Protein backbone atom coordinates (compact mmCIF):
# COMPACT_ATOMS: atom_id res chain seq x y z
CA MET A 1 5.73 0.77 31.56
CA VAL A 2 6.04 4.47 30.79
CA ASN A 3 2.97 6.67 30.42
CA PHE A 4 2.84 9.50 27.91
CA GLY A 5 0.70 12.54 28.62
CA LEU A 6 -0.27 16.13 27.92
CA TRP A 7 0.26 19.22 30.06
CA TYR A 8 -2.26 22.09 30.32
CA ASP A 9 -2.03 25.45 32.09
CA PHE A 10 -5.35 26.92 30.81
CA ARG A 11 -3.73 30.24 29.92
CA ASN A 12 -5.82 32.38 27.55
CA PRO A 13 -3.83 35.57 26.96
CA ASP A 14 -4.41 38.67 24.91
CA PRO A 15 -4.12 39.29 22.01
CA TRP A 16 -5.17 35.72 21.21
CA ALA A 17 -7.85 35.31 23.90
CA MET A 18 -11.22 33.67 23.28
CA PRO A 19 -14.24 33.78 25.60
CA SER A 20 -13.29 31.93 28.77
CA GLU A 21 -16.23 29.53 28.82
CA ARG A 22 -15.52 28.45 25.24
CA PHE A 23 -11.82 28.14 26.03
CA HIS A 24 -12.43 25.82 28.98
CA ALA A 25 -14.96 23.77 27.00
CA GLN A 26 -12.53 23.28 24.12
CA ALA A 27 -9.75 22.25 26.48
CA LEU A 28 -11.94 19.60 28.09
CA GLU A 29 -13.09 18.36 24.68
CA GLN A 30 -9.48 18.06 23.56
CA ILE A 31 -8.47 16.15 26.69
CA ALA A 32 -11.29 13.65 26.12
CA ALA A 33 -10.15 13.31 22.51
CA ALA A 34 -6.58 12.76 23.71
CA GLU A 35 -7.70 9.82 25.84
CA ALA A 36 -9.55 8.36 22.85
CA ALA A 37 -6.38 8.79 20.77
CA GLY A 38 -4.34 6.78 23.26
CA TRP A 39 -2.73 9.29 25.59
CA ASP A 40 -2.17 7.92 29.08
CA SER A 41 -2.17 10.98 31.32
CA VAL A 42 -3.06 14.65 31.65
CA TRP A 43 -1.28 17.14 33.91
CA LEU A 44 -2.47 20.46 35.33
CA THR A 45 -0.52 23.30 36.90
CA GLU A 46 -1.39 26.16 39.25
CA HIS A 47 -0.78 29.88 39.62
CA HIS A 48 -2.89 32.73 40.98
CA PHE A 49 -3.70 36.30 39.94
CA ILE A 50 -2.41 35.97 36.37
CA ASP A 51 -4.11 38.23 33.81
CA ASP A 52 -4.31 35.42 31.23
CA GLY A 53 -6.32 33.12 33.51
CA TYR A 54 -3.56 30.64 34.31
CA THR A 55 -5.66 28.18 36.28
CA PRO A 56 -5.87 28.82 40.01
CA SER A 57 -8.10 25.76 40.47
CA PRO A 58 -6.49 22.62 39.04
CA LEU A 59 -8.37 20.26 41.34
CA VAL A 60 -11.70 21.57 40.08
CA ILE A 61 -10.54 21.02 36.50
CA ALA A 62 -9.23 17.59 37.45
CA ALA A 63 -12.72 16.62 38.62
CA ALA A 64 -14.20 17.80 35.33
CA ILE A 65 -11.61 15.75 33.43
CA GLY A 66 -12.39 12.74 35.60
CA ALA A 67 -16.05 12.98 34.62
CA ARG A 68 -15.15 12.98 30.92
CA THR A 69 -12.54 10.21 30.91
CA THR A 70 -12.35 6.60 32.01
CA ARG A 71 -8.74 5.50 31.65
CA MET A 72 -6.13 8.26 31.65
CA ARG A 73 -4.36 9.28 34.84
CA ILE A 74 -4.90 12.84 36.06
CA GLY A 75 -2.18 14.69 37.92
CA THR A 76 -0.97 18.10 38.99
CA ASN A 77 2.43 19.34 37.87
CA LEU A 78 2.23 21.16 40.01
CA MET A 79 0.24 22.72 42.84
CA VAL A 80 1.89 25.35 45.05
CA LEU A 81 1.52 23.46 48.32
CA PRO A 82 2.65 26.20 50.78
CA LEU A 83 -0.35 28.32 49.75
CA HIS A 84 -2.85 25.69 50.90
CA ASP A 85 -4.26 24.17 54.05
CA PRO A 86 -2.93 20.59 53.89
CA ILE A 87 -6.09 19.12 55.44
CA ARG A 88 -8.21 20.72 52.72
CA ILE A 89 -5.85 19.50 50.00
CA ALA A 90 -5.94 16.01 51.50
CA GLU A 91 -9.75 16.03 51.47
CA ASP A 92 -9.99 17.26 47.88
CA ALA A 93 -7.31 14.86 46.60
CA ALA A 94 -8.95 11.91 48.38
CA THR A 95 -12.30 12.84 46.84
CA LEU A 96 -10.70 13.08 43.40
CA SER A 97 -9.20 9.64 43.85
CA LEU A 98 -12.60 8.23 44.80
CA LEU A 99 -14.35 9.94 41.87
CA THR A 100 -11.81 8.68 39.34
CA GLY A 101 -11.29 5.15 40.60
CA GLY A 102 -7.80 5.92 41.85
CA ARG A 103 -6.58 7.75 38.73
CA PHE A 104 -5.41 10.91 40.49
CA ASP A 105 -1.82 11.85 41.46
CA LEU A 106 -1.08 14.90 43.60
CA GLY A 107 2.03 16.77 42.47
CA VAL A 108 3.22 19.71 44.56
CA GLY A 109 6.02 22.25 44.71
CA GLY A 110 7.22 25.14 46.82
CA GLY A 111 6.31 28.09 44.60
CA TYR A 112 8.18 31.36 44.15
CA ARG A 113 5.79 34.24 43.37
CA GLN A 114 5.78 36.78 46.18
CA VAL A 115 2.29 38.09 45.36
CA GLU A 116 0.78 34.63 45.87
CA PHE A 117 2.47 34.16 49.24
CA ASN A 118 1.44 37.65 50.33
CA GLN A 119 -2.21 37.14 49.48
CA PHE A 120 -2.44 33.75 51.20
CA GLY A 121 -0.58 34.92 54.28
CA ARG A 122 2.52 32.78 53.82
CA ASP A 123 6.21 33.64 54.06
CA LEU A 124 8.52 32.58 51.21
CA ARG A 125 11.25 31.94 53.76
CA HIS A 126 9.13 29.21 55.33
CA ARG A 127 8.78 27.14 52.16
CA PRO A 128 10.88 24.16 53.36
CA SER A 129 8.95 23.70 56.60
CA LEU A 130 5.61 24.42 54.91
CA MET A 131 6.34 21.74 52.34
CA GLU A 132 7.65 19.11 54.73
CA GLU A 133 4.94 19.56 57.34
CA ALA A 134 2.14 19.67 54.75
CA VAL A 135 3.34 16.41 53.18
CA SER A 136 3.34 14.75 56.60
CA VAL A 137 -0.16 16.04 57.38
CA ILE A 138 -1.54 14.92 53.99
CA ARG A 139 -0.14 11.41 54.32
CA GLN A 140 -1.60 10.98 57.81
CA ALA A 141 -4.94 12.42 56.67
CA TRP A 142 -5.13 9.86 53.86
CA SER A 143 -4.68 7.00 56.35
CA GLY A 144 -8.27 7.30 57.53
CA GLU A 145 -7.03 7.08 61.10
CA THR A 146 -7.31 9.67 63.86
CA PHE A 147 -4.05 11.57 64.20
CA GLU A 148 -2.36 14.57 65.73
CA PHE A 149 0.35 16.78 64.29
CA HIS A 150 2.15 19.67 65.91
CA GLY A 151 4.76 21.56 63.93
CA LYS A 152 6.08 25.03 63.23
CA ARG A 153 3.39 25.77 60.63
CA PHE A 154 0.46 23.44 61.23
CA ASP A 155 -1.42 21.93 64.15
CA VAL A 156 -3.87 19.06 63.90
CA ASN A 157 -5.67 17.94 67.02
CA ASN A 158 -7.22 14.48 67.29
CA LEU A 159 -8.65 14.56 63.77
CA ARG A 160 -9.88 11.85 61.41
CA VAL A 161 -10.26 12.86 57.76
CA THR A 162 -12.94 11.00 55.80
CA PRO A 163 -13.63 9.60 53.34
CA ALA A 164 -10.19 8.08 53.01
CA PRO A 165 -9.00 7.22 49.49
CA GLU A 166 -9.30 3.57 48.53
CA HIS A 167 -6.32 4.11 46.22
CA VAL A 168 -3.92 6.49 47.95
CA PRO A 169 -2.67 9.06 45.41
CA ASN A 170 1.00 9.27 44.59
CA LEU A 171 2.38 12.38 46.30
CA LEU A 172 4.89 13.79 43.82
CA MET A 173 7.21 16.73 44.40
CA GLY A 174 8.81 19.11 41.93
CA GLY A 175 11.31 21.93 41.93
CA LEU A 176 14.28 23.36 40.07
CA SER A 177 16.72 23.62 43.00
CA PRO A 178 18.88 20.81 44.42
CA PRO A 179 17.25 21.15 47.87
CA ALA A 180 13.82 20.65 46.29
CA MET A 181 15.07 17.58 44.42
CA ALA A 182 16.59 16.16 47.60
CA ARG A 183 13.29 16.78 49.41
CA ALA A 184 11.45 14.85 46.70
CA ALA A 185 13.86 11.95 47.17
CA ALA A 186 13.44 12.05 50.95
CA ILE A 187 9.67 12.35 51.39
CA GLY A 188 8.01 12.16 47.96
CA ASP A 189 6.65 9.26 45.93
CA GLY A 190 8.32 10.71 42.86
CA PHE A 191 10.00 13.74 41.32
CA LEU A 192 8.32 16.11 38.85
CA SER A 193 11.07 17.27 36.53
CA THR A 194 10.98 20.25 34.19
CA GLY A 195 12.76 20.14 30.85
CA GLY A 196 14.98 17.28 31.95
CA ILE A 197 16.51 19.30 34.78
CA GLY A 198 17.50 17.40 37.90
CA HIS A 199 17.28 13.73 36.95
CA ASP A 200 20.88 13.24 38.04
CA VAL A 201 20.49 15.21 41.28
CA TYR A 202 17.30 13.36 42.21
CA THR A 203 18.66 9.88 41.52
CA GLU A 204 21.84 10.66 43.46
CA ALA A 205 19.70 11.89 46.36
CA LEU A 206 17.75 8.62 46.23
CA LYS A 207 21.02 6.74 46.71
CA THR A 208 21.89 8.97 49.66
CA GLN A 209 18.51 8.16 51.19
CA GLY A 210 19.00 4.46 50.56
CA ARG A 211 15.83 4.35 48.49
CA GLN A 212 15.20 1.96 45.61
CA ASP A 213 11.64 3.08 44.85
CA GLY A 214 12.12 6.49 43.27
CA ALA A 215 10.18 7.65 40.23
CA ILE A 216 10.45 10.54 37.77
CA TYR A 217 7.51 12.23 36.04
CA ALA A 218 9.11 14.25 33.28
CA GLY A 219 7.63 17.48 31.93
CA ASN A 220 9.08 17.75 28.41
CA TRP A 221 9.36 21.08 26.56
CA ALA A 222 10.30 19.78 23.11
CA ILE A 223 8.66 21.22 19.99
CA VAL A 224 8.21 18.26 17.63
CA ALA A 225 7.25 18.78 13.99
CA ASP A 226 8.18 17.60 10.50
CA ASP A 227 9.85 20.96 9.94
CA PRO A 228 10.95 22.10 13.42
CA GLU A 229 12.37 25.42 12.21
CA ARG A 230 9.13 26.35 10.50
CA GLU A 231 7.15 25.27 13.57
CA ALA A 232 9.44 27.32 15.79
CA ALA A 233 8.80 30.42 13.70
CA LYS A 234 5.04 29.81 13.95
CA VAL A 235 4.93 29.40 17.73
CA ALA A 236 7.69 31.91 18.53
CA PRO A 237 5.36 34.62 19.93
CA HIS A 238 3.71 32.09 22.24
CA VAL A 239 7.03 30.61 23.37
CA LEU A 240 8.38 34.09 24.08
CA TYR A 241 5.27 34.92 26.08
CA GLN A 242 5.54 31.71 28.11
CA THR A 243 9.24 31.96 28.86
CA ASN A 244 9.38 35.64 29.71
CA ALA A 245 6.40 35.28 32.04
CA TYR A 246 8.16 32.57 34.03
CA ILE A 247 11.34 34.66 34.14
CA GLY A 248 9.38 37.69 35.32
CA TRP A 249 7.78 35.69 38.11
CA GLY A 250 11.15 34.43 39.37
CA ALA A 251 11.00 30.80 38.25
CA PHE A 252 14.63 30.83 37.10
CA GLY A 253 16.14 33.16 39.67
CA PRO A 254 15.62 36.71 40.91
CA PRO A 255 13.75 38.63 38.16
CA GLU A 256 15.95 41.67 38.63
CA THR A 257 19.05 39.65 37.67
CA THR A 258 17.53 37.23 35.15
CA PRO A 259 17.20 38.95 31.75
CA LEU A 260 14.16 38.50 29.55
CA PHE A 261 14.52 37.08 26.05
CA SER A 262 14.33 39.57 23.20
CA ASP A 263 12.44 37.33 20.75
CA GLY A 264 11.01 33.86 20.29
CA ARG A 265 14.09 32.45 18.61
CA ALA A 266 16.25 33.53 21.55
CA ALA A 267 13.74 31.99 23.97
CA ILE A 268 13.85 28.67 22.13
CA GLU A 269 17.63 28.64 21.94
CA GLY A 270 18.21 29.80 25.52
CA GLY A 271 15.20 28.29 27.29
CA LEU A 272 14.02 24.77 28.05
CA TYR A 273 12.73 24.11 24.54
CA GLU A 274 14.26 21.74 21.99
CA LEU A 275 13.44 21.46 18.30
CA TRP A 276 13.00 17.88 17.13
CA ASP A 277 11.81 16.30 13.93
CA PRO A 278 10.08 12.91 14.41
CA ASP A 279 13.26 10.84 14.00
CA THR A 280 15.13 13.05 16.45
CA ALA A 281 12.25 12.85 18.90
CA VAL A 282 12.30 9.03 18.76
CA ARG A 283 16.05 9.00 19.31
CA GLU A 284 16.08 11.55 22.13
CA LEU A 285 13.11 10.12 24.03
CA THR A 286 14.39 6.56 23.73
CA ALA A 287 17.83 7.59 24.97
CA MET A 288 16.34 9.51 27.91
CA LEU A 289 14.11 6.63 28.96
CA LYS A 290 16.95 4.13 28.74
CA ALA A 291 19.29 6.43 30.68
CA TRP A 292 16.72 7.07 33.41
CA PRO A 293 14.70 3.89 34.06
CA GLN A 294 13.08 5.72 36.99
CA ILE A 295 10.90 7.68 34.53
CA ARG A 296 7.24 6.66 34.84
CA ASP A 297 5.64 9.40 32.73
CA VAL A 298 6.67 11.88 30.03
CA HIS A 299 4.25 14.71 29.30
CA PHE A 300 4.33 17.47 26.69
CA TRP A 301 2.71 20.90 26.50
CA ALA A 302 -0.53 20.37 24.60
CA LYS A 303 -0.26 23.94 23.35
CA PHE A 304 1.58 27.12 24.22
CA PRO A 305 -0.19 30.14 25.76
CA GLY A 306 -2.31 31.86 23.14
CA GLU A 307 -1.71 29.20 20.51
CA SER A 308 -4.86 27.75 18.98
CA PHE A 309 -6.02 24.32 20.06
CA GLU A 310 -5.82 23.18 16.43
CA SER A 311 -2.20 24.26 16.12
CA GLY A 312 -1.11 22.43 19.26
CA TRP A 313 -3.16 19.37 18.32
CA ALA A 314 -1.12 18.90 15.13
CA ARG A 315 1.97 18.28 17.27
CA VAL A 316 -0.04 16.06 19.64
CA GLU A 317 -1.16 13.89 16.71
CA LEU A 318 2.34 13.71 15.28
CA LEU A 319 3.70 12.51 18.61
CA MET A 320 0.98 9.91 19.06
CA ASN A 321 1.04 8.56 15.51
CA ARG A 322 4.67 8.80 14.43
CA VAL A 323 6.89 9.14 17.49
CA LEU A 324 5.55 7.29 20.53
CA PRO A 325 4.90 3.93 18.76
CA LYS A 326 8.55 3.83 17.72
CA VAL A 327 9.73 4.81 21.20
CA LYS A 328 7.63 2.06 22.76
CA ALA A 329 8.94 -0.47 20.23
CA ALA A 330 12.54 0.55 20.95
CA LEU A 331 12.00 0.16 24.68
CA ALA A 332 10.28 -3.21 24.25
């Protein structure tokens, strides 16, 4: 069975900003409403020191969501694991699992913003070893057993981490580079994809590893509306803001050699976005899910940065009421 979910970054940028307390309250109210409407999952992402408030604390928000929901899964897509102490992440994730009855999944990635690594005393060049060692530490910490670990980046001496999770979270790994996808296949419980990138690389890496248990959790960037062109024109400023910010941070390569988009239309045409009407959405999602049976979850941006909650919710309702039932029927 495939879950369908919503993706939130909690960005509240000028010139569209609202008071931060009201913004967070509305987001949590919408997520509770999404569960009531039938959505299966909610996903949170992490960055630090962003003027628009891009959430630096997804695990805190995950706990708040857990208190307001009873059924939907809660995950991170993704947390920047090299910035964190893996023992502390293991403790917080285990606690989240206990608080939510095992509904939490920990998704992590390597990160790319130099300012974040500088502030937290990490070296970008050490990302592979930071990722691999942290994953090993977290898994051993969740065992509830006393363990030791001695690596290049972390040392754990005769430590037992409690309370252990009764339902061990899935430890998912994302990334846009082939090495990151191969790492997810080697040591992760699943791959967090972005805009459909890397499904082929990840599944091929699974074969190389001799694994049959891979899973894909797909972050989808489609803009779905009855009139996609009209919707694109409406959200163009927000799409441009989102895409150019990621380019400027280095998500798609060195910022000095990766040009910014000049306008929203160019960002939609040249970025990860796709414009779908409901029939196209049914066709495209069904084809993707049949082509990649490893997919366990597909989640969509609930709204773009600066877009109103009401505007994003119209697309959320369209997906839930007129697209996903047909996709599920086609898969059945």
